[in-house]
Amino acid sequence: MSTTILDPTDERVPVRRQLTARPEEVTGTAGLLNISKPRGDVLIARLEERLRERLPRVEFRHYSKPTFTKPAPEDLRRKIAQECAFVIEALAD
């Protein structure tokens, strides 16, 4: 099976990348970060539904940025890093 990774940056000479080896099973806690754009909550909820079907041993925690116009505050980033093995950041409009 071949995978093509598309990079939206303007690279005149494309960088070769390889996918990282995937574990047999994904476990732990995943943070779902809503960046507070309109309908982001809808996207996150649907994403969680789909991920729960595929990853039954993963616990999901929800987080929200106060505004999409600025980076997440340091205390929020620290909290996510302490509580989660990985994070999925999603935006929508």
C-alpha atoms as a PDB file:
ATOM      1  CA  MET A   1       0.000   0.000   0.000  1.00  0.00           C
ATOM      2  CA  SER A   2       1.353   3.412  -0.951  1.00  0.00           C
ATOM      3  CA  THR A   3       0.565   6.664   0.856  1.00  0.00           C
ATOM      4  CA  THR A   4       0.987  10.107  -0.653  1.00  0.00           C
ATOM      5  CA  ILE A   5       1.491  13.011   1.736  1.00  0.00           C
ATOM      6  CA  LEU A   6       0.515  16.401   0.343  1.00  0.00           C
ATOM      7  CA  ASP A   7       2.259  19.413   1.814  1.00  0.00           C
ATOM      8  CA  PRO A   8       0.502  22.782   1.280  1.00  0.00           C
ATOM      9  CA  THR A   9       3.700  24.810   1.711  1.00  0.00           C
ATOM     10  CA  ASP A  10       5.426  26.304  -1.302  1.00  0.00           C
ATOM     11  CA  GLU A  11       8.389  23.985  -1.611  1.00  0.00           C
ATOM     12  CA  ARG A  12      10.131  24.284  -4.958  1.00  0.00           C
ATOM     13  CA  VAL A  13      11.890  21.009  -4.233  1.00  0.00           C
ATOM     14  CA  PRO A  14       9.525  18.669  -2.355  1.00  0.00           C
ATOM     15  CA  VAL A  15      10.850  17.194   0.878  1.00  0.00           C
ATOM     16  CA  ARG A  16      10.679  13.403   1.081  1.00  0.00           C
ATOM     17  CA  ARG A  17       8.845  12.266   4.202  1.00  0.00           C
ATOM     18  CA  GLN A  18       8.001   8.873   5.613  1.00  0.00           C
ATOM     19  CA  LEU A  19       5.186   7.928   7.909  1.00  0.00           C
ATOM     20  CA  THR A  20       6.181   6.997  11.428  1.00  0.00           C
ATOM     21  CA  ALA A  21       5.637   3.341  12.314  1.00  0.00           C
ATOM     22  CA  ARG A  22       2.242   2.856  13.900  1.00  0.00           C
ATOM     23  CA  PRO A  23       1.695   0.940  17.121  1.00  0.00           C
ATOM     24  CA  GLU A  24      -0.354  -2.269  17.114  1.00  0.00           C
ATOM     25  CA  GLU A  25      -2.931  -0.603  19.361  1.00  0.00           C
ATOM     26  CA  VAL A  26      -3.595   3.004  20.322  1.00  0.00           C
ATOM     27  CA  THR A  27      -4.283   3.532  24.030  1.00  0.00           C
ATOM     28  CA  GLY A  28      -4.122   6.372  26.501  1.00  0.00           C
ATOM     29  CA  THR A  29      -5.758   9.763  26.692  1.00  0.00           C
ATOM     30  CA  ALA A  30      -6.357  12.013  23.714  1.00  0.00           C
ATOM     31  CA  GLY A  31      -7.081  15.696  24.003  1.00  0.00           C
ATOM     32  CA  LEU A  32      -9.551  17.193  21.557  1.00  0.00           C
ATOM     33  CA  LEU A  33      -8.778  20.893  21.266  1.00  0.00           C
ATOM     34  CA  ASN A  34     -11.467  23.168  19.877  1.00  0.00           C
ATOM     35  CA  ILE A  35      -9.799  26.378  18.730  1.00  0.00           C
ATOM     36  CA  SER A  36     -13.158  28.211  19.071  1.00  0.00           C
ATOM     37  CA  LYS A  37     -13.954  28.852  15.443  1.00  0.00           C
ATOM     38  CA  PRO A  38     -17.647  28.643  14.489  1.00  0.00           C
ATOM     39  CA  ARG A  39     -18.947  25.050  14.430  1.00  0.00           C
ATOM     40  CA  GLY A  40     -15.667  23.725  15.815  1.00  0.00           C
ATOM     41  CA  ASP A  41     -17.657  22.066  18.588  1.00  0.00           C
ATOM     42  CA  VAL A  42     -19.725  20.218  15.985  1.00  0.00           C
ATOM     43  CA  LEU A  43     -16.599  18.999  14.194  1.00  0.00           C
ATOM     44  CA  ILE A  44     -14.967  17.866  17.460  1.00  0.00           C
ATOM     45  CA  ALA A  45     -18.112  15.983  18.557  1.00  0.00           C
ATOM     46  CA  ARG A  46     -18.349  14.147  15.231  1.00  0.00           C
ATOM     47  CA  LEU A  47     -14.635  13.411  15.227  1.00  0.00           C
ATOM     48  CA  GLU A  48     -14.887  11.929  18.719  1.00  0.00           C
ATOM     49  CA  GLU A  49     -17.799   9.695  17.636  1.00  0.00           C
ATOM     50  CA  ARG A  50     -15.771   8.303  14.761  1.00  0.00           C
ATOM     51  CA  LEU A  51     -12.602   7.874  16.815  1.00  0.00           C
ATOM     52  CA  ARG A  52     -14.459   6.079  19.634  1.00  0.00           C
ATOM     53  CA  GLU A  53     -15.615   3.491  17.093  1.00  0.00           C
ATOM     54  CA  ARG A  54     -12.041   2.823  15.969  1.00  0.00           C
ATOM     55  CA  LEU A  55     -10.176   3.390  19.242  1.00  0.00           C
ATOM     56  CA  PRO A  56     -12.239   1.894  22.080  1.00  0.00           C
ATOM     57  CA  ARG A  57      -9.322   1.933  24.542  1.00  0.00           C
ATOM     58  CA  VAL A  58      -8.670   5.665  24.209  1.00  0.00           C
ATOM     59  CA  GLU A  59     -10.111   8.161  26.681  1.00  0.00           C
ATOM     60  CA  PHE A  60     -11.046  11.540  25.179  1.00  0.00           C
ATOM     61  CA  ARG A  61     -10.873  14.887  26.982  1.00  0.00           C
ATOM     62  CA  HIS A  62     -12.196  18.148  25.589  1.00  0.00           C
ATOM     63  CA  TYR A  63     -10.417  21.488  25.718  1.00  0.00           C
ATOM     64  CA  SER A  64     -11.152  24.896  24.166  1.00  0.00           C
ATOM     65  CA  LYS A  65      -9.022  27.895  23.384  1.00  0.00           C
ATOM     66  CA  PRO A  66     -10.535  31.212  24.499  1.00  0.00           C
ATOM     67  CA  THR A  67     -10.190  32.571  20.938  1.00  0.00           C
ATOM     68  CA  PHE A  68      -8.969  31.295  17.588  1.00  0.00           C
ATOM     69  CA  THR A  69      -7.084  34.525  16.924  1.00  0.00           C
ATOM     70  CA  LYS A  70      -4.272  33.780  19.384  1.00  0.00           C
ATOM     71  CA  PRO A  71      -2.183  30.766  20.386  1.00  0.00           C
ATOM     72  CA  ALA A  72      -3.489  28.644  23.255  1.00  0.00           C
ATOM     73  CA  PRO A  73      -2.546  30.102  26.636  1.00  0.00           C
ATOM     74  CA  GLU A  74       0.478  28.539  28.302  1.00  0.00           C
ATOM     75  CA  ASP A  75      -1.576  27.140  31.206  1.00  0.00           C
ATOM     76  CA  LEU A  76      -3.939  25.374  28.786  1.00  0.00           C
ATOM     77  CA  ARG A  77      -1.023  23.907  26.817  1.00  0.00           C
ATOM     78  CA  ARG A  78       0.592  22.731  30.043  1.00  0.00           C
ATOM     79  CA  LYS A  79      -2.660  21.125  31.251  1.00  0.00           C
ATOM     80  CA  ILE A  80      -3.135  19.254  27.962  1.00  0.00           C
ATOM     81  CA  ALA A  81       0.486  18.062  28.020  1.00  0.00           C
ATOM     82  CA  GLN A  82       0.073  16.746  31.586  1.00  0.00           C
ATOM     83  CA  GLU A  83      -3.262  15.025  30.979  1.00  0.00           C
ATOM     84  CA  CYS A  84      -2.920  13.642  27.443  1.00  0.00           C
ATOM     85  CA  ALA A  85      -0.621  11.368  25.487  1.00  0.00           C
ATOM     86  CA  PHE A  86      -1.574  13.166  22.280  1.00  0.00           C
ATOM     87  CA  VAL A  87      -3.833  15.964  21.070  1.00  0.00           C
ATOM     88  CA  ILE A  88      -5.976  16.587  18.022  1.00  0.00           C
ATOM     89  CA  GLU A  89      -6.586  20.235  17.203  1.00  0.00           C
ATOM     90  CA  ALA A  90      -9.566  20.940  14.987  1.00  0.00           C
ATOM     91  CA  LEU A  91     -11.064  23.988  13.405  1.00  0.00           C
ATOM     92  CA  ALA A  92     -14.126  24.582  11.308  1.00  0.00           C
ATOM     93  CA  ASP A  93     -16.099  27.357   9.654  1.00  0.00           C
END
